[in-house]
Amino acid sequence: MSHHLDTPLARQNGQLYIDDLYVFQGHESTVFVMDVNSTITEPDVQPGFHPEARYEFKVHVDDAETETLTYRVSFDERDVYGGQPLAVHVLTGDEAGNDDAEGELVLQGDAGQPIEGPGIRLWAGRIADSFYIDLALLARVNAAVHDGTAVDLSGWQPERAQNSFTGTTVESIVLEISHQHPVLRPGARIGVWCATKLATDAGGWRQINRAGHPMMWPIFWPDDTRFTYPANTRHPSQDFEADGKNLAERVTAVVAAGGTSDDPHGYGETVARQLFPDVLPYVVGTPATFGFATRNGRTLADNAPEVMLSLVAGTAIPACLKPSVSARLRQPNFPYVIPA
């Protein structure tokens, strides 16, 4: 559940708030990307990654309710030159969901530099954000979801759409795992989500934020500017029971008002079951795409906002922004992103 938008808590510590999650095929590998700390929040962005936080990639296998594999990235304080040491631990089996487990140290290095080990590579640092959307269009869908009305596109001129994220940057963690991995081998069906966790005064860890499918928070809970919604702290396995009815009713109201489905209730229920649990599905070793035909991982180029807005409305919502709008902010080789 991503938090691109400008909010008081994001301004306070955007280092803990996830903007995007991507999962796609690399070169005989699977690539995981987590973006945090967008400059969309303007002057209050703190540089680097939070030194008391954990940034975790979670992998479920074959629709399992719990994660089988966790890659945990942690950072030290930034030094006077802006450098920031980091470490990567891997947790498997029962340890993958255990905050008290230490896991196995697999990488150490510094942000801004590629770090490599057997079957694993990582790069972390500030990048030019390749995400694209015109926030004026999002506002129209927000209003429909909030009020239970049809999406009002009167006055919307797709040909004049502008990317609201032009010139913004984010802190990015890029993790690449070889296809030789015993779990992440070609053909494996996985579900991926990521989370930020913060050390507590009591000595434990508190999950602050998480992300799976793109655009979930901006579409369904844009007014939760203090990020107190319980979805932030729960596990995806609890999603449908906790929030499935609410999400289904919201979508039902929009498509009923717009007349885009003969069975609004059935459509809303279907969408809720597609989006919950909020994990991003991917078949290892296949081309990733988050599109209208299929949702299989997500590449840096995918027009995920248009797909999600259309899914909620039950009809095409023309964003009129193409992948080419941010083509220069991606590259075909590791680390796949463009350092800022």
Protein backbone atom coordinates (compact mmCIF):
# COMPACT_ATOMS: atom_id res chain seq x y z
CA MET A 1 0.00 0.00 0.00
CA SER A 2 2.00 2.86 -1.31
CA HIS A 3 2.35 6.42 -0.01
CA HIS A 4 3.52 8.71 -2.80
CA LEU A 5 1.27 11.52 -1.69
CA ASP A 6 2.21 14.46 0.51
CA THR A 7 1.09 13.87 4.10
CA PRO A 8 2.14 15.13 7.53
CA LEU A 9 3.56 11.77 8.59
CA ALA A 10 5.35 11.22 5.29
CA ARG A 11 6.96 14.62 5.77
CA GLN A 12 7.95 13.64 9.27
CA ASN A 13 9.74 10.49 8.17
CA GLY A 14 9.32 9.48 4.56
CA GLN A 15 12.21 7.06 5.01
CA LEU A 16 9.70 4.59 6.45
CA TYR A 17 6.99 4.99 3.81
CA ILE A 18 6.97 2.82 0.73
CA ASP A 19 6.26 4.45 -2.62
CA ASP A 20 6.48 1.45 -4.94
CA LEU A 21 7.28 -2.24 -5.19
CA TYR A 22 8.48 -3.84 -8.43
CA VAL A 23 9.20 -7.49 -9.27
CA PHE A 24 10.50 -8.51 -12.70
CA GLN A 25 12.89 -10.73 -14.62
CA GLY A 26 16.53 -9.68 -14.79
CA HIS A 27 19.36 -11.52 -16.51
CA GLU A 28 18.82 -15.13 -15.41
CA SER A 29 17.51 -13.61 -12.22
CA THR A 30 14.58 -12.10 -10.34
CA VAL A 31 14.73 -8.41 -9.45
CA PHE A 32 12.97 -6.86 -6.44
CA VAL A 33 12.80 -3.07 -6.08
CA MET A 34 11.47 -1.09 -3.11
CA ASP A 35 11.19 2.71 -3.35
CA VAL A 36 10.76 4.94 -0.29
CA ASN A 37 11.14 8.57 0.77
CA SER A 38 9.84 10.45 -2.29
CA THR A 39 10.68 14.10 -2.77
CA ILE A 40 7.00 14.68 -3.60
CA THR A 41 6.94 15.73 0.07
CA GLU A 42 9.23 18.64 -0.88
CA PRO A 43 11.59 20.26 1.65
CA ASP A 44 11.19 17.92 4.62
CA VAL A 45 12.75 14.81 3.07
CA GLN A 46 15.54 13.36 5.21
CA PRO A 47 18.40 11.98 3.10
CA GLY A 48 19.22 8.28 3.07
CA PHE A 49 17.57 5.34 4.78
CA HIS A 50 16.41 5.18 8.38
CA PRO A 51 19.26 3.78 10.54
CA GLU A 52 16.89 2.18 13.06
CA ALA A 53 14.65 0.52 10.49
CA ARG A 54 14.47 -2.72 8.59
CA TYR A 55 13.48 -2.87 4.93
CA GLU A 56 12.15 -6.32 4.09
CA PHE A 57 11.20 -8.16 0.90
CA LYS A 58 8.76 -10.99 1.70
CA VAL A 59 8.20 -13.97 -0.61
CA HIS A 60 5.28 -16.42 -0.41
CA VAL A 61 5.43 -19.60 -2.50
CA ASP A 62 2.47 -21.37 -4.16
CA ASP A 63 -0.18 -19.16 -2.52
CA ALA A 64 1.06 -19.92 0.99
CA GLU A 65 -0.45 -17.66 3.67
CA THR A 66 2.94 -16.97 5.23
CA GLU A 67 6.30 -16.03 3.77
CA THR A 68 8.90 -18.68 2.97
CA LEU A 69 11.73 -16.25 2.32
CA THR A 70 12.63 -12.79 3.64
CA TYR A 71 15.47 -10.52 2.58
CA ARG A 72 16.11 -7.96 5.31
CA VAL A 73 18.12 -4.82 4.55
CA SER A 74 19.35 -2.59 7.37
CA PHE A 75 21.42 0.58 7.39
CA ASP A 76 23.79 2.34 9.77
CA GLU A 77 23.87 6.10 10.34
CA ARG A 78 25.04 8.24 7.43
CA ASP A 79 28.61 9.47 7.84
CA VAL A 80 29.78 13.06 7.34
CA TYR A 81 30.39 12.35 3.65
CA GLY A 82 26.88 10.96 3.07
CA GLY A 83 27.96 7.33 3.02
CA GLN A 84 25.69 4.77 4.67
CA PRO A 85 26.85 1.21 5.45
CA LEU A 86 24.27 -1.54 4.96
CA ALA A 87 23.79 -5.24 5.60
CA VAL A 88 21.53 -7.86 4.05
CA HIS A 89 20.26 -10.89 5.95
CA VAL A 90 18.22 -13.74 4.52
CA LEU A 91 15.63 -15.61 6.60
CA THR A 92 14.07 -18.86 5.44
CA GLY A 93 11.34 -21.26 6.56
CA ASP A 94 9.78 -20.46 9.92
CA GLU A 95 12.32 -17.68 10.51
CA ALA A 96 11.06 -15.73 7.48
CA GLY A 97 8.15 -14.29 9.46
CA ASN A 98 9.92 -14.00 12.80
CA ASP A 99 11.13 -10.53 13.78
CA ASP A 100 13.27 -12.04 16.54
CA ALA A 101 15.21 -14.26 14.14
CA GLU A 102 18.60 -12.90 13.03
CA GLY A 103 18.88 -14.80 9.76
CA GLU A 104 22.06 -15.30 7.75
CA LEU A 105 24.26 -12.36 6.80
CA VAL A 106 24.74 -12.55 3.02
CA LEU A 107 25.94 -9.06 2.01
CA GLN A 108 27.67 -6.05 3.51
CA GLY A 109 28.68 -2.81 1.84
CA ASP A 110 27.72 0.80 1.33
CA ALA A 111 24.74 2.57 -0.20
CA GLY A 112 25.48 3.98 -3.62
CA GLN A 113 27.79 1.09 -4.52
CA PRO A 114 26.91 -2.28 -6.10
CA ILE A 115 27.36 -5.14 -3.65
CA GLU A 116 27.63 -8.72 -4.84
CA GLY A 117 27.76 -12.20 -3.32
CA PRO A 118 27.09 -15.75 -4.53
CA GLY A 119 23.81 -15.55 -6.49
CA ILE A 120 22.86 -12.13 -5.09
CA ARG A 121 23.42 -8.45 -5.90
CA LEU A 122 22.16 -5.30 -4.25
CA TRP A 123 22.29 -1.57 -4.89
CA ALA A 124 20.68 1.08 -2.69
CA GLY A 125 20.57 4.84 -3.08
CA ARG A 126 18.64 7.85 -4.36
CA ILE A 127 17.29 7.57 -7.89
CA ALA A 128 15.20 9.47 -10.38
CA ASP A 129 11.64 8.21 -9.88
CA SER A 130 10.27 6.47 -12.98
CA PHE A 131 6.71 6.34 -11.58
CA TYR A 132 4.21 8.36 -13.64
CA ILE A 133 0.65 9.60 -13.16
CA ASP A 134 -1.34 12.80 -13.47
CA LEU A 135 -2.67 13.35 -9.95
CA ALA A 136 -5.66 15.27 -11.32
CA LEU A 137 -6.96 11.98 -12.71
CA LEU A 138 -6.38 10.17 -9.42
CA ALA A 139 -8.41 12.86 -7.65
CA ARG A 140 -11.44 12.03 -9.81
CA VAL A 141 -11.29 8.36 -8.89
CA ASN A 142 -10.69 9.27 -5.23
CA ALA A 143 -13.90 11.28 -5.23
CA ALA A 144 -15.89 8.40 -6.73
CA VAL A 145 -14.55 5.85 -4.23
CA HIS A 146 -15.15 8.25 -1.33
CA ASP A 147 -18.70 9.24 -2.34
CA GLY A 148 -19.84 5.98 -3.96
CA THR A 149 -20.47 7.71 -7.28
CA ALA A 150 -19.52 7.17 -10.90
CA VAL A 151 -16.08 8.43 -11.94
CA ASP A 152 -16.65 11.92 -13.35
CA LEU A 153 -14.36 12.42 -16.34
CA SER A 154 -16.15 15.51 -17.64
CA GLY A 155 -13.55 18.13 -18.34
CA TRP A 156 -10.71 15.61 -18.17
CA GLN A 157 -8.52 16.06 -21.23
CA PRO A 158 -6.27 13.00 -21.55
CA GLU A 159 -4.26 14.57 -24.35
CA ARG A 160 -3.13 17.26 -21.89
CA ALA A 161 -2.11 14.84 -19.13
CA GLN A 162 1.12 15.72 -17.33
CA ASN A 163 3.29 13.50 -15.16
CA SER A 164 3.02 14.92 -11.64
CA PHE A 165 6.23 13.10 -10.64
CA THR A 166 8.51 14.67 -13.20
CA GLY A 167 11.77 15.61 -11.49
CA THR A 168 11.07 13.73 -8.24
CA THR A 169 13.47 11.28 -6.65
CA VAL A 170 13.18 8.37 -4.22
CA GLU A 171 15.47 6.18 -2.17
CA SER A 172 15.57 2.77 -3.84
CA ILE A 173 16.68 -0.72 -2.81
CA VAL A 174 17.35 -3.02 -5.77
CA LEU A 175 17.83 -6.71 -4.95
CA GLU A 176 18.70 -9.27 -7.63
CA ILE A 177 18.57 -13.03 -6.97
CA SER A 178 19.91 -15.63 -9.38
CA HIS A 179 17.62 -18.25 -10.93
CA GLN A 180 19.92 -20.80 -9.30
CA HIS A 181 18.31 -20.01 -5.95
CA PRO A 182 16.59 -23.13 -4.53
CA VAL A 183 13.26 -21.29 -4.07
CA LEU A 184 13.36 -18.57 -6.74
CA ARG A 185 13.87 -20.94 -9.67
CA PRO A 186 12.10 -20.51 -13.04
CA GLY A 187 8.49 -21.65 -12.86
CA ALA A 188 8.07 -20.96 -9.14
CA ARG A 189 4.79 -19.15 -8.37
CA ILE A 190 5.44 -16.49 -5.78
CA GLY A 191 3.64 -13.62 -4.07
CA VAL A 192 5.76 -10.65 -2.98
CA TRP A 193 5.26 -7.81 -0.56
CA CYS A 194 7.62 -5.50 1.28
CA ALA A 195 7.59 -3.83 4.65
CA THR A 196 9.40 -1.25 6.73
CA LYS A 197 9.84 -1.99 10.42
CA LEU A 198 11.13 0.21 13.20
CA ALA A 199 12.82 -0.74 16.44
CA THR A 200 10.65 -0.09 19.50
CA ASP A 201 11.65 1.16 22.93
CA ALA A 202 10.68 -2.23 24.33
CA GLY A 203 13.26 -3.97 22.18
CA GLY A 204 10.97 -5.45 19.53
CA TRP A 205 9.96 -4.34 16.04
CA ARG A 206 6.89 -2.52 14.81
CA GLN A 207 5.74 -2.83 11.20
CA ILE A 208 5.26 0.72 9.98
CA ASN A 209 4.22 0.29 6.37
CA ARG A 210 3.88 -2.36 3.68
CA ALA A 211 3.21 -2.63 -0.05
CA GLY A 212 2.06 -5.25 -2.52
CA HIS A 213 -0.22 -4.16 -5.35
CA PRO A 214 0.41 -0.61 -6.59
CA MET A 215 -1.89 2.32 -5.81
CA MET A 216 -3.86 0.66 -3.04
CA TRP A 217 -3.56 3.45 -0.48
CA PRO A 218 -3.93 6.43 -2.84
CA ILE A 219 -7.14 4.93 -4.26
CA PHE A 220 -8.89 3.56 -1.19
CA TRP A 221 -7.58 5.53 1.81
CA PRO A 222 -6.22 8.87 0.55
CA ASP A 223 -7.61 10.78 3.52
CA ASP A 224 -5.72 8.74 6.10
CA THR A 225 -3.01 11.37 6.32
CA ARG A 226 -1.71 10.11 9.67
CA PHE A 227 -1.45 6.52 8.35
CA THR A 228 -3.30 5.06 11.31
CA TYR A 229 -5.25 2.59 9.16
CA PRO A 230 -4.63 -0.93 10.56
CA ALA A 231 -3.65 -2.31 7.14
CA ASN A 232 -0.22 -0.79 7.72
CA THR A 233 0.57 -3.10 10.61
CA ARG A 234 -1.26 -6.31 9.73
CA HIS A 235 -0.03 -9.32 7.77
CA PRO A 236 -1.46 -9.84 4.25
CA SER A 237 -3.03 -13.13 5.35
CA GLN A 238 -5.48 -11.06 7.43
CA ASP A 239 -6.45 -8.71 4.59
CA PHE A 240 -9.63 -10.22 3.23
CA GLU A 241 -11.20 -11.05 6.58
CA ALA A 242 -10.34 -7.61 7.97
CA ASP A 243 -11.08 -5.40 4.97
CA GLY A 244 -12.51 -7.46 2.11
CA LYS A 245 -16.12 -6.43 2.74
CA ASN A 246 -15.19 -2.74 2.95
CA LEU A 247 -13.17 -2.79 -0.27
CA ALA A 248 -15.83 -4.79 -2.13
CA GLU A 249 -18.56 -2.34 -1.06
CA ARG A 250 -16.53 0.65 -2.24
CA VAL A 251 -15.95 -0.84 -5.68
CA THR A 252 -19.57 -2.03 -5.86
CA ALA A 253 -20.85 1.50 -5.25
CA VAL A 254 -18.64 2.99 -7.97
CA VAL A 255 -19.58 0.46 -10.68
CA ALA A 256 -23.26 0.53 -9.68
CA ALA A 257 -23.37 4.32 -10.00
CA GLY A 258 -21.52 4.20 -13.30
CA GLY A 259 -23.55 1.33 -14.71
CA THR A 260 -20.37 -0.47 -15.74
CA SER A 261 -21.47 -3.89 -14.45
CA ASP A 262 -24.76 -5.81 -14.53
CA ASP A 263 -23.72 -7.38 -11.24
CA PRO A 264 -22.04 -4.62 -9.20
CA HIS A 265 -21.92 -6.68 -6.02
CA GLY A 266 -20.33 -9.62 -7.79
CA TYR A 267 -17.82 -7.33 -9.50
CA GLY A 268 -16.88 -5.67 -6.22
CA GLU A 269 -16.41 -9.05 -4.54
CA THR A 270 -14.22 -10.22 -7.43
CA VAL A 271 -12.00 -7.15 -7.26
CA ALA A 272 -11.60 -7.51 -3.50
CA ARG A 273 -10.52 -11.13 -3.92
CA GLN A 274 -8.06 -10.12 -6.64
CA LEU A 275 -6.45 -7.44 -4.51
CA PHE A 276 -6.47 -9.29 -1.18
CA PRO A 277 -4.23 -10.61 0.17
CA ASP A 278 -2.21 -7.62 -0.90
CA VAL A 279 0.77 -9.44 -2.41
CA LEU A 280 2.11 -9.01 -5.92
CA PRO A 281 1.93 -12.31 -7.86
CA TYR A 282 4.77 -13.38 -10.15
CA VAL A 283 5.95 -16.53 -11.92
CA VAL A 284 9.72 -16.63 -11.72
CA GLY A 285 11.49 -16.60 -15.07
CA THR A 286 8.56 -15.13 -17.04
CA PRO A 287 8.15 -11.64 -18.50
CA ALA A 288 6.67 -9.35 -15.88
CA THR A 289 3.77 -7.05 -16.65
CA PHE A 290 1.17 -5.25 -14.59
CA GLY A 291 -1.39 -4.71 -17.30
CA PHE A 292 -4.94 -5.26 -18.47
CA ALA A 293 -4.34 -8.76 -19.84
CA THR A 294 -2.48 -10.06 -16.81
CA ARG A 295 -0.91 -8.93 -13.57
CA ASN A 296 2.34 -10.84 -13.24
CA GLY A 297 4.91 -8.88 -11.28
CA ARG A 298 5.50 -5.26 -12.21
CA THR A 299 8.20 -3.60 -14.29
CA LEU A 300 9.54 -0.09 -13.92
CA ALA A 301 7.75 0.85 -17.15
CA ASP A 302 4.27 -0.52 -16.42
CA ASN A 303 1.36 1.93 -16.37
CA ALA A 304 0.07 0.48 -13.11
CA PRO A 305 -2.02 3.55 -12.16
CA GLU A 306 -4.15 3.29 -15.30
CA VAL A 307 -4.70 -0.43 -14.71
CA MET A 308 -5.72 0.05 -11.08
CA LEU A 309 -7.97 3.04 -11.72
CA SER A 310 -9.75 1.15 -14.51
CA LEU A 311 -10.12 -1.95 -12.32
CA VAL A 312 -11.85 0.05 -9.60
CA ALA A 313 -14.14 1.87 -12.05
CA GLY A 314 -15.04 -1.23 -14.03
CA THR A 315 -14.31 0.65 -17.24
CA ALA A 316 -11.34 2.16 -19.05
CA ILE A 317 -9.90 5.25 -17.36
CA PRO A 318 -7.63 6.88 -19.95
CA ALA A 319 -4.49 8.21 -18.29
CA CYS A 320 -2.90 9.01 -21.66
CA LEU A 321 0.64 8.74 -20.24
CA LYS A 322 2.88 6.19 -21.93
CA PRO A 323 5.97 4.35 -20.62
CA SER A 324 8.06 6.62 -22.83
CA VAL A 325 7.35 9.53 -20.46
CA SER A 326 9.98 8.14 -18.07
CA ALA A 327 12.03 5.92 -20.42
CA ARG A 328 15.24 7.78 -19.63
CA LEU A 329 14.81 6.91 -15.95
CA ARG A 330 15.26 3.16 -16.52
CA GLN A 331 18.10 1.02 -17.81
CA PRO A 332 18.23 -2.60 -19.04
CA ASN A 333 21.09 -3.70 -16.79
CA PHE A 334 21.75 -3.81 -13.06
CA PRO A 335 20.81 -1.81 -11.05
CA TYR A 336 18.00 -1.12 -13.62
CA VAL A 337 17.31 2.30 -12.04
CA ILE A 338 19.08 5.61 -12.69
CA PRO A 339 20.98 7.04 -9.71
CA ALA A 340 20.08 10.65 -9.05
